[in-house]
Amino acid sequence: MNFTVKEAIDWFSGAPLRILLVLLIASATQYFGKRAITRAMNRLATADLRPGLRGVGTRQKERAKTTGTVLSSTLNSVIWLIAFATVLGEFGFNLGPFIASAGVIGVALGLGAQTIVRDVISGIFMLVEDQYGVGDTVEVLEIKGVVEKVGLRITTVRDSNGTLWYLRNGEILKVGNSSQSA
């Protein structure tokens, strides 16, 4: 075997091969994880969770879709963060100071982003508890109108004048929903 070919094979069988394996494993994990989440959310969207009640199917599908999106985003973030750290380790970076810095930065961001976290958590509970959905006529804060979009952080409501209101879910303390029956 030629000496340069042997050197190339030796070089590739080290860090480049491990990096390639990390990226392949991360991609496969992302693919299969997203597939599993999609299957679970499709099953949840079609399950009869409230026997006897009709007309909740579209809302249940929308909630399952939103939950699936959140789970997929979280899975992707975790997978690629771990893959990135592993690849950096293969390049010889000392990850100890990086992880310590990330912890300090995480605490600072956590303190600064308290309202965003509160909005998202409130949005999750609003979806889970089915307080309102797209198309419902609601009274929120001083606004009365039709819900156009329900997100994890923001709900949009159009009032009778045609004004579109963006309401942070963390600030919504009480909701009157005239579209839901008991």
N, C-alpha and C. Protein backbone atom coordinates (compact mmCIF):
# COMPACT_ATOMS: atom_id res chain seq x y z
N MET A 1 0.85 -1.17 0.00
CA MET A 1 0.00 0.00 0.00
C MET A 1 0.90 1.24 0.00
N ASN A 2 0.48 2.22 -0.75
CA ASN A 2 1.24 3.46 -0.84
C ASN A 2 1.26 4.16 0.52
N PHE A 3 2.39 4.78 0.83
CA PHE A 3 2.56 5.40 2.14
C PHE A 3 1.56 6.53 2.36
N THR A 4 1.26 7.35 1.36
CA THR A 4 0.32 8.46 1.53
C THR A 4 -1.11 7.96 1.71
N VAL A 5 -1.47 6.87 1.04
CA VAL A 5 -2.80 6.30 1.22
C VAL A 5 -2.94 5.76 2.64
N LYS A 6 -1.89 5.11 3.13
CA LYS A 6 -1.93 4.58 4.50
C LYS A 6 -2.04 5.72 5.51
N GLU A 7 -1.32 6.80 5.29
CA GLU A 7 -1.43 7.96 6.19
C GLU A 7 -2.84 8.55 6.15
N ALA A 8 -3.43 8.62 4.97
CA ALA A 8 -4.77 9.17 4.83
C ALA A 8 -5.80 8.30 5.57
N ILE A 9 -5.64 6.97 5.45
CA ILE A 9 -6.55 6.06 6.14
C ILE A 9 -6.37 6.17 7.65
N ASP A 10 -5.13 6.25 8.10
CA ASP A 10 -4.87 6.41 9.54
C ASP A 10 -5.46 7.73 10.06
N TRP A 11 -5.30 8.79 9.27
CA TRP A 11 -5.82 10.09 9.69
C TRP A 11 -7.35 10.04 9.77
N PHE A 12 -8.01 9.48 8.73
CA PHE A 12 -9.46 9.45 8.69
C PHE A 12 -10.06 8.55 9.76
N SER A 13 -9.35 7.50 10.13
CA SER A 13 -9.90 6.58 11.13
C SER A 13 -9.83 7.15 12.54
N GLY A 14 -9.26 8.31 12.71
CA GLY A 14 -9.20 8.97 14.02
C GLY A 14 -10.39 9.89 14.22
N ALA A 15 -10.08 11.17 14.47
CA ALA A 15 -11.11 12.17 14.79
C ALA A 15 -12.14 12.37 13.67
N PRO A 16 -11.74 12.44 12.39
CA PRO A 16 -12.76 12.65 11.35
C PRO A 16 -13.83 11.56 11.32
N LEU A 17 -13.44 10.31 11.52
CA LEU A 17 -14.41 9.23 11.53
C LEU A 17 -15.35 9.35 12.73
N ARG A 18 -14.80 9.70 13.89
CA ARG A 18 -15.64 9.87 15.08
C ARG A 18 -16.60 11.05 14.91
N ILE A 19 -16.14 12.14 14.29
CA ILE A 19 -17.01 13.29 14.05
C ILE A 19 -18.13 12.91 13.08
N LEU A 20 -17.77 12.19 12.03
CA LEU A 20 -18.78 11.73 11.07
C LEU A 20 -19.80 10.83 11.76
N LEU A 21 -19.34 9.94 12.63
CA LEU A 21 -20.26 9.06 13.37
C LEU A 21 -21.18 9.87 14.29
N VAL A 22 -20.64 10.87 14.95
CA VAL A 22 -21.46 11.71 15.83
C VAL A 22 -22.56 12.40 15.02
N LEU A 23 -22.20 12.95 13.86
CA LEU A 23 -23.18 13.64 13.03
C LEU A 23 -24.23 12.67 12.48
N LEU A 24 -23.79 11.48 12.10
CA LEU A 24 -24.74 10.48 11.60
C LEU A 24 -25.70 10.02 12.70
N ILE A 25 -25.16 9.78 13.88
CA ILE A 25 -26.00 9.36 15.01
C ILE A 25 -26.98 10.47 15.39
N ALA A 26 -26.50 11.72 15.40
CA ALA A 26 -27.39 12.84 15.72
C ALA A 26 -28.50 12.96 14.68
N SER A 27 -28.17 12.82 13.41
CA SER A 27 -29.18 12.91 12.35
C SER A 27 -30.20 11.77 12.47
N ALA A 28 -29.72 10.56 12.72
CA ALA A 28 -30.62 9.42 12.86
C ALA A 28 -31.52 9.58 14.08
N THR A 29 -30.95 10.05 15.18
CA THR A 29 -31.74 10.27 16.40
C THR A 29 -32.81 11.33 16.16
N GLN A 30 -32.43 12.38 15.46
CA GLN A 30 -33.39 13.44 15.14
C GLN A 30 -34.51 12.89 14.27
N TYR A 31 -34.18 12.12 13.25
CA TYR A 31 -35.18 11.57 12.34
C TYR A 31 -36.14 10.65 13.08
N PHE A 32 -35.59 9.67 13.81
CA PHE A 32 -36.45 8.71 14.50
C PHE A 32 -37.22 9.35 15.66
N GLY A 33 -36.60 10.31 16.34
CA GLY A 33 -37.29 11.02 17.42
C GLY A 33 -38.46 11.84 16.89
N LYS A 34 -38.25 12.55 15.79
CA LYS A 34 -39.34 13.34 15.20
C LYS A 34 -40.45 12.43 14.72
N ARG A 35 -40.07 11.30 14.15
CA ARG A 35 -41.07 10.34 13.67
C ARG A 35 -41.90 9.79 14.84
N ALA A 36 -41.23 9.47 15.95
CA ALA A 36 -41.94 8.95 17.12
C ALA A 36 -42.87 10.01 17.70
N ILE A 37 -42.42 11.25 17.77
CA ILE A 37 -43.25 12.34 18.29
C ILE A 37 -44.46 12.55 17.39
N THR A 38 -44.24 12.54 16.08
CA THR A 38 -45.35 12.72 15.13
C THR A 38 -46.38 11.61 15.28
N ARG A 39 -45.91 10.38 15.39
CA ARG A 39 -46.85 9.26 15.56
C ARG A 39 -47.64 9.39 16.86
N ALA A 40 -46.95 9.73 17.94
CA ALA A 40 -47.62 9.86 19.23
C ALA A 40 -48.64 11.00 19.20
N MET A 41 -48.30 12.11 18.58
CA MET A 41 -49.22 13.24 18.53
C MET A 41 -50.40 12.95 17.59
N ASN A 42 -50.17 12.21 16.52
CA ASN A 42 -51.28 11.80 15.65
C ASN A 42 -52.24 10.88 16.39
N ARG A 43 -51.69 9.99 17.19
CA ARG A 43 -52.51 9.08 17.99
C ARG A 43 -53.30 9.88 19.03
N LEU A 44 -52.64 10.86 19.63
CA LEU A 44 -53.30 11.70 20.63
C LEU A 44 -54.39 12.56 19.98
N ALA A 45 -54.14 13.03 18.77
CA ALA A 45 -55.11 13.89 18.08
C ALA A 45 -56.38 13.13 17.73
N THR A 46 -56.28 11.84 17.50
CA THR A 46 -57.45 11.06 17.10
C THR A 46 -58.07 10.27 18.25
N ALA A 47 -57.45 10.29 19.42
CA ALA A 47 -57.99 9.55 20.57
C ALA A 47 -59.25 10.21 21.09
N ASP A 48 -60.16 9.42 21.59
CA ASP A 48 -61.40 9.92 22.17
C ASP A 48 -61.16 10.15 23.66
N LEU A 49 -60.62 11.33 24.00
CA LEU A 49 -60.25 11.62 25.38
C LEU A 49 -61.44 12.03 26.24
N ARG A 50 -62.46 12.57 25.61
CA ARG A 50 -63.64 13.03 26.35
C ARG A 50 -64.87 12.36 25.75
N PRO A 51 -65.17 11.17 26.19
CA PRO A 51 -66.32 10.45 25.62
C PRO A 51 -67.61 11.24 25.80
N GLY A 52 -68.42 11.21 24.75
CA GLY A 52 -69.71 11.87 24.84
C GLY A 52 -69.72 13.27 24.28
N LEU A 53 -68.60 13.97 24.31
CA LEU A 53 -68.55 15.33 23.77
C LEU A 53 -68.18 15.27 22.30
N ARG A 54 -68.84 16.03 21.49
CA ARG A 54 -68.55 16.09 20.06
C ARG A 54 -68.11 17.51 19.72
N GLY A 55 -67.38 17.62 18.62
CA GLY A 55 -66.95 18.94 18.18
C GLY A 55 -65.65 19.40 18.80
N VAL A 56 -65.00 18.58 19.57
CA VAL A 56 -63.73 18.98 20.17
C VAL A 56 -62.55 18.41 19.38
N GLY A 57 -62.84 17.68 18.31
CA GLY A 57 -61.79 17.01 17.55
C GLY A 57 -60.80 17.96 16.91
N THR A 58 -61.26 19.05 16.31
CA THR A 58 -60.34 19.97 15.66
C THR A 58 -59.46 20.67 16.68
N ARG A 59 -60.06 21.03 17.80
CA ARG A 59 -59.27 21.68 18.85
C ARG A 59 -58.24 20.71 19.42
N GLN A 60 -58.63 19.47 19.60
CA GLN A 60 -57.71 18.45 20.12
C GLN A 60 -56.56 18.23 19.13
N LYS A 61 -56.86 18.23 17.84
CA LYS A 61 -55.82 18.07 16.81
C LYS A 61 -54.86 19.24 16.84
N GLU A 62 -55.39 20.45 17.00
CA GLU A 62 -54.54 21.64 17.05
C GLU A 62 -53.63 21.62 18.27
N ARG A 63 -54.18 21.21 19.41
CA ARG A 63 -53.36 21.13 20.62
C ARG A 63 -52.28 20.07 20.47
N ALA A 64 -52.61 18.93 19.86
CA ALA A 64 -51.62 17.87 19.65
C ALA A 64 -50.53 18.35 18.70
N LYS A 65 -50.92 19.09 17.67
CA LYS A 65 -49.93 19.61 16.72
C LYS A 65 -48.98 20.59 17.41
N THR A 66 -49.53 21.48 18.23
CA THR A 66 -48.69 22.45 18.95
C THR A 66 -47.75 21.74 19.92
N THR A 67 -48.26 20.77 20.64
CA THR A 67 -47.43 20.01 21.57
C THR A 67 -46.33 19.26 20.81
N GLY A 68 -46.67 18.67 19.67
CA GLY A 68 -45.68 17.97 18.85
C GLY A 68 -44.58 18.90 18.37
N THR A 69 -44.94 20.11 17.99
CA THR A 69 -43.95 21.10 17.55
C THR A 69 -43.00 21.46 18.68
N VAL A 70 -43.55 21.67 19.87
CA VAL A 70 -42.71 22.00 21.03
C VAL A 70 -41.76 20.85 21.36
N LEU A 71 -42.28 19.62 21.37
CA LEU A 71 -41.44 18.46 21.68
C LEU A 71 -40.36 18.26 20.62
N SER A 72 -40.70 18.43 19.35
CA SER A 72 -39.71 18.28 18.27
C SER A 72 -38.61 19.33 18.38
N SER A 73 -38.98 20.57 18.65
CA SER A 73 -37.99 21.64 18.80
C SER A 73 -37.06 21.36 19.97
N THR A 74 -37.63 20.91 21.08
CA THR A 74 -36.82 20.60 22.26
C THR A 74 -35.87 19.45 21.97
N LEU A 75 -36.37 18.40 21.32
CA LEU A 75 -35.53 17.26 20.97
C LEU A 75 -34.39 17.68 20.06
N ASN A 76 -34.68 18.46 19.03
CA ASN A 76 -33.65 18.91 18.10
C ASN A 76 -32.59 19.76 18.81
N SER A 77 -33.02 20.64 19.69
CA SER A 77 -32.07 21.48 20.42
C SER A 77 -31.13 20.64 21.27
N VAL A 78 -31.68 19.69 21.99
CA VAL A 78 -30.86 18.84 22.87
C VAL A 78 -29.89 17.99 22.05
N ILE A 79 -30.39 17.38 20.98
CA ILE A 79 -29.54 16.51 20.15
C ILE A 79 -28.37 17.27 19.57
N TRP A 80 -28.64 18.41 18.95
CA TRP A 80 -27.58 19.14 18.27
C TRP A 80 -26.65 19.86 19.25
N LEU A 81 -27.12 20.21 20.43
CA LEU A 81 -26.23 20.77 21.44
C LEU A 81 -25.23 19.73 21.91
N ILE A 82 -25.71 18.51 22.14
CA ILE A 82 -24.81 17.42 22.55
C ILE A 82 -23.85 17.08 21.42
N ALA A 83 -24.35 17.02 20.18
CA ALA A 83 -23.48 16.72 19.03
C ALA A 83 -22.41 17.80 18.87
N PHE A 84 -22.79 19.06 19.01
CA PHE A 84 -21.84 20.16 18.88
C PHE A 84 -20.75 20.07 19.95
N ALA A 85 -21.14 19.80 21.18
CA ALA A 85 -20.17 19.68 22.27
C ALA A 85 -19.24 18.49 22.02
N THR A 86 -19.77 17.38 21.52
CA THR A 86 -18.95 16.21 21.23
C THR A 86 -17.95 16.50 20.12
N VAL A 87 -18.39 17.18 19.09
CA VAL A 87 -17.49 17.54 17.98
C VAL A 87 -16.40 18.50 18.47
N LEU A 88 -16.77 19.45 19.30
CA LEU A 88 -15.75 20.35 19.86
C LEU A 88 -14.72 19.58 20.67
N GLY A 89 -15.18 18.59 21.42
CA GLY A 89 -14.28 17.74 22.18
C GLY A 89 -13.33 16.99 21.27
N GLU A 90 -13.79 16.55 20.10
CA GLU A 90 -12.94 15.85 19.14
C GLU A 90 -11.88 16.77 18.55
N PHE A 91 -12.17 18.06 18.46
CA PHE A 91 -11.19 19.01 17.98
C PHE A 91 -10.18 19.40 19.05
N GLY A 92 -10.38 18.91 20.26
CA GLY A 92 -9.42 19.14 21.32
C GLY A 92 -9.75 20.31 22.23
N PHE A 93 -10.94 20.88 22.10
CA PHE A 93 -11.33 21.97 22.98
C PHE A 93 -11.60 21.43 24.37
N ASN A 94 -11.18 22.17 25.38
CA ASN A 94 -11.47 21.82 26.76
C ASN A 94 -12.89 22.32 27.06
N LEU A 95 -13.81 21.41 27.27
CA LEU A 95 -15.21 21.76 27.42
C LEU A 95 -15.58 22.19 28.84
N GLY A 96 -14.71 21.96 29.81
CA GLY A 96 -15.00 22.33 31.19
C GLY A 96 -15.33 23.81 31.36
N PRO A 97 -14.43 24.72 30.92
CA PRO A 97 -14.76 26.14 31.03
C PRO A 97 -15.99 26.54 30.21
N PHE A 98 -16.17 25.90 29.07
CA PHE A 98 -17.33 26.20 28.22
C PHE A 98 -18.63 25.85 28.94
N ILE A 99 -18.66 24.69 29.58
CA ILE A 99 -19.86 24.26 30.29
C ILE A 99 -20.12 25.15 31.51
N ALA A 100 -19.04 25.53 32.20
CA ALA A 100 -19.20 26.43 33.35
C ALA A 100 -19.73 27.79 32.90
N SER A 101 -19.21 28.31 31.79
CA SER A 101 -19.69 29.59 31.26
C SER A 101 -21.15 29.48 30.84
N ALA A 102 -21.49 28.36 30.21
CA ALA A 102 -22.88 28.16 29.78
C ALA A 102 -23.81 28.16 30.98
N GLY A 103 -23.36 27.59 32.10
CA GLY A 103 -24.19 27.59 33.30
C GLY A 103 -24.44 29.00 33.82
N VAL A 104 -23.39 29.82 33.86
CA VAL A 104 -23.52 31.19 34.33
C VAL A 104 -24.40 31.99 33.38
N ILE A 105 -24.18 31.82 32.07
CA ILE A 105 -24.98 32.52 31.08
C ILE A 105 -26.44 32.06 31.16
N GLY A 106 -26.64 30.77 31.39
CA GLY A 106 -28.00 30.24 31.52
C GLY A 106 -28.74 30.86 32.69
N VAL A 107 -28.05 31.04 33.81
CA VAL A 107 -28.69 31.67 34.98
C VAL A 107 -29.04 33.11 34.65
N ALA A 108 -28.12 33.84 34.00
CA ALA A 108 -28.37 35.23 33.64
C ALA A 108 -29.55 35.34 32.66
N LEU A 109 -29.57 34.47 31.66
CA LEU A 109 -30.68 34.48 30.72
C LEU A 109 -31.99 34.09 31.39
N GLY A 110 -31.91 33.13 32.30
CA GLY A 110 -33.11 32.71 33.03
C GLY A 110 -33.71 33.85 33.83
N LEU A 111 -32.87 34.63 34.47
CA LEU A 111 -33.37 35.77 35.23
C LEU A 111 -33.92 36.84 34.31
N GLY A 112 -33.25 37.05 33.18
CA GLY A 112 -33.70 38.07 32.23
C GLY A 112 -34.93 37.66 31.45
N ALA A 113 -35.14 36.37 31.28
CA ALA A 113 -36.23 35.89 30.44
C ALA A 113 -37.39 35.32 31.25
N GLN A 114 -37.55 35.79 32.46
CA GLN A 114 -38.61 35.27 33.31
C GLN A 114 -39.99 35.46 32.69
N THR A 115 -40.22 36.62 32.06
CA THR A 115 -41.54 36.86 31.48
C THR A 115 -41.79 35.94 30.29
N ILE A 116 -40.76 35.67 29.51
CA ILE A 116 -40.93 34.76 28.37
C ILE A 116 -41.25 33.36 28.87
N VAL A 117 -40.53 32.92 29.89
CA VAL A 117 -40.79 31.60 30.46
C VAL A 117 -42.20 31.54 31.04
N ARG A 118 -42.61 32.58 31.73
CA ARG A 118 -43.96 32.61 32.30
C ARG A 118 -45.01 32.57 31.20
N ASP A 119 -44.77 33.32 30.10
CA ASP A 119 -45.71 33.31 28.97
C ASP A 119 -45.83 31.93 28.36
N VAL A 120 -44.70 31.25 28.17
CA VAL A 120 -44.71 29.92 27.55
C VAL A 120 -45.40 28.90 28.45
N ILE A 121 -45.08 28.93 29.74
CA ILE A 121 -45.71 27.99 30.66
C ILE A 121 -47.21 28.25 30.74
N SER A 122 -47.61 29.50 30.77
CA SER A 122 -49.05 29.82 30.76
C SER A 122 -49.70 29.33 29.47
N GLY A 123 -49.00 29.49 28.35
CA GLY A 123 -49.53 29.02 27.07
C GLY A 123 -49.71 27.52 27.04
N ILE A 124 -48.77 26.80 27.62
CA ILE A 124 -48.88 25.34 27.68
C ILE A 124 -50.11 24.94 28.49
N PHE A 125 -50.30 25.58 29.65
CA PHE A 125 -51.47 25.26 30.48
C PHE A 125 -52.77 25.64 29.80
N MET A 126 -52.78 26.76 29.06
CA MET A 126 -54.00 27.15 28.35
C MET A 126 -54.36 26.11 27.29
N LEU A 127 -53.34 25.59 26.60
CA LEU A 127 -53.60 24.56 25.59
C LEU A 127 -54.06 23.26 26.23
N VAL A 128 -53.38 22.86 27.30
CA VAL A 128 -53.72 21.59 27.95
C VAL A 128 -55.12 21.66 28.56
N GLU A 129 -55.45 22.78 29.18
CA GLU A 129 -56.75 22.92 29.83
C GLU A 129 -57.86 23.29 28.87
N ASP A 130 -57.51 23.56 27.60
CA ASP A 130 -58.49 23.89 26.57
C ASP A 130 -59.36 25.07 26.99
N GLN A 131 -58.73 26.14 27.44
CA GLN A 131 -59.48 27.31 27.89
C GLN A 131 -60.14 28.03 26.73
N TYR A 132 -59.47 28.10 25.58
CA TYR A 132 -60.03 28.69 24.38
C TYR A 132 -59.23 28.18 23.19
N GLY A 133 -59.81 28.36 22.02
CA GLY A 133 -59.15 27.92 20.80
C GLY A 133 -59.43 28.88 19.67
N VAL A 134 -58.85 28.62 18.52
CA VAL A 134 -59.04 29.46 17.35
C VAL A 134 -60.52 29.46 16.97
N GLY A 135 -61.06 30.67 16.77
CA GLY A 135 -62.47 30.80 16.40
C GLY A 135 -63.40 31.07 17.57
N ASP A 136 -62.93 30.91 18.80
CA ASP A 136 -63.77 31.17 19.96
C ASP A 136 -63.94 32.68 20.17
N THR A 137 -65.11 33.06 20.66
CA THR A 137 -65.36 34.44 21.04
C THR A 137 -65.03 34.56 22.53
N VAL A 138 -64.05 35.41 22.84
CA VAL A 138 -63.56 35.50 24.21
C VAL A 138 -63.52 36.95 24.67
N GLU A 139 -63.48 37.08 25.99
CA GLU A 139 -63.22 38.38 26.61
C GLU A 139 -61.99 38.20 27.48
N VAL A 140 -60.92 38.88 27.09
CA VAL A 140 -59.63 38.76 27.76
C VAL A 140 -59.14 40.17 28.09
N LEU A 141 -58.75 40.36 29.35
CA LEU A 141 -58.37 41.69 29.82
C LEU A 141 -59.51 42.64 29.49
N GLU A 142 -59.31 43.70 28.71
CA GLU A 142 -60.41 44.61 28.35
C GLU A 142 -60.85 44.38 26.91
N ILE A 143 -60.44 43.29 26.31
CA ILE A 143 -60.66 43.04 24.88
C ILE A 143 -61.69 41.94 24.70
N LYS A 144 -62.65 42.20 23.81
CA LYS A 144 -63.63 41.18 23.46
C LYS A 144 -63.54 40.98 21.96
N GLY A 145 -63.34 39.72 21.55
CA GLY A 145 -63.21 39.45 20.13
C GLY A 145 -63.06 37.97 19.85
N VAL A 146 -62.63 37.66 18.63
CA VAL A 146 -62.49 36.29 18.16
C VAL A 146 -61.01 35.92 18.15
N VAL A 147 -60.70 34.76 18.72
CA VAL A 147 -59.32 34.28 18.77
C VAL A 147 -58.90 33.88 17.35
N GLU A 148 -57.80 34.44 16.88
CA GLU A 148 -57.29 34.10 15.55
C GLU A 148 -56.13 33.12 15.61
N LYS A 149 -55.35 33.21 16.67
CA LYS A 149 -54.20 32.31 16.79
C LYS A 149 -53.88 32.11 18.26
N VAL A 150 -53.57 30.86 18.61
CA VAL A 150 -53.15 30.54 19.97
C VAL A 150 -51.74 29.97 19.86
N GLY A 151 -50.78 30.68 20.41
CA GLY A 151 -49.41 30.21 20.43
C GLY A 151 -48.98 29.92 21.85
N LEU A 152 -47.77 29.41 21.98
CA LEU A 152 -47.27 29.14 23.33
C LEU A 152 -46.99 30.41 24.09
N ARG A 153 -46.60 31.48 23.41
CA ARG A 153 -46.24 32.71 24.09
C ARG A 153 -47.30 33.80 23.93
N ILE A 154 -47.93 33.85 22.77
CA ILE A 154 -48.85 34.95 22.47
C ILE A 154 -50.15 34.40 21.91
N THR A 155 -51.26 35.03 22.30
CA THR A 155 -52.57 34.76 21.72
C THR A 155 -53.00 36.01 20.97
N THR A 156 -53.52 35.83 19.75
CA THR A 156 -53.99 36.98 18.99
C THR A 156 -55.51 36.95 18.94
N VAL A 157 -56.12 38.11 19.23
CA VAL A 157 -57.57 38.26 19.26
C VAL A 157 -57.93 39.47 18.39
N ARG A 158 -58.92 39.30 17.52
CA ARG A 158 -59.42 40.40 16.69
C ARG A 158 -60.73 40.90 17.29
N ASP A 159 -60.78 42.19 17.61
CA ASP A 159 -62.00 42.74 18.20
C ASP A 159 -63.00 43.13 17.12
N SER A 160 -64.16 43.64 17.54
CA SER A 160 -65.24 43.97 16.59
C SER A 160 -64.88 45.13 15.67
N ASN A 161 -63.92 45.95 16.05
CA ASN A 161 -63.46 47.06 15.21
C ASN A 161 -62.45 46.62 14.16
N GLY A 162 -62.02 45.37 14.23
CA GLY A 162 -61.04 44.87 13.27
C GLY A 162 -59.60 44.97 13.74
N THR A 163 -59.41 45.45 14.96
CA THR A 163 -58.06 45.58 15.52
C THR A 163 -57.56 44.21 15.97
N LEU A 164 -56.34 43.88 15.61
CA LEU A 164 -55.74 42.61 16.02
C LEU A 164 -54.89 42.86 17.26
N TRP A 165 -55.23 42.19 18.36
CA TRP A 165 -54.55 42.36 19.62
C TRP A 165 -53.62 41.18 19.86
N TYR A 166 -52.40 41.46 20.29
CA TYR A 166 -51.42 40.44 20.65
C TYR A 166 -51.32 40.42 22.17
N LEU A 167 -51.75 39.33 22.77
CA LEU A 167 -51.81 39.22 24.22
C LEU A 167 -50.79 38.20 24.70
N ARG A 168 -49.92 38.62 25.61
CA ARG A 168 -48.96 37.68 26.19
C ARG A 168 -49.71 36.75 27.13
N ASN A 169 -49.49 35.46 26.97
CA ASN A 169 -50.23 34.47 27.76
C ASN A 169 -49.97 34.61 29.26
N GLY A 170 -48.80 35.07 29.65
CA GLY A 170 -48.48 35.23 31.06
C GLY A 170 -49.26 36.33 31.74
N GLU A 171 -49.82 37.27 30.94
CA GLU A 171 -50.59 38.37 31.52
C GLU A 171 -52.08 38.10 31.53
N ILE A 172 -52.51 37.01 30.91
CA ILE A 172 -53.93 36.68 30.88
C ILE A 172 -54.28 35.96 32.18
N LEU A 173 -54.98 36.67 33.05
CA LEU A 173 -55.32 36.11 34.35
C LEU A 173 -56.72 35.51 34.38
N LYS A 174 -57.61 36.05 33.57
CA LYS A 174 -58.95 35.47 33.48
C LYS A 174 -59.45 35.63 32.05
N VAL A 175 -60.24 34.62 31.64
CA VAL A 175 -60.74 34.58 30.28
C VAL A 175 -62.21 34.24 30.33
N GLY A 176 -63.00 34.99 29.59
CA GLY A 176 -64.40 34.65 29.41
C GLY A 176 -64.57 34.09 28.00
N ASN A 177 -65.04 32.85 27.90
CA ASN A 177 -65.20 32.20 26.60
C ASN A 177 -66.67 31.93 26.37
N SER A 178 -67.29 32.70 25.47
CA SER A 178 -68.72 32.53 25.21
C SER A 178 -69.00 31.49 24.14
N SER A 179 -67.96 30.88 23.58
CA SER A 179 -68.14 29.85 22.55
C SER A 179 -68.19 28.45 23.13
N GLN A 180 -67.68 28.25 24.31
CA GLN A 180 -67.67 26.92 24.90
C GLN A 180 -68.95 26.66 25.67
N SER A 181 -69.47 25.46 25.50
CA SER A 181 -70.62 25.07 26.30
C SER A 181 -70.14 24.26 27.49
N ALA A 182 -70.92 24.20 28.51
CA ALA A 182 -70.51 23.52 29.74
C ALA A 182 -70.42 22.04 29.57
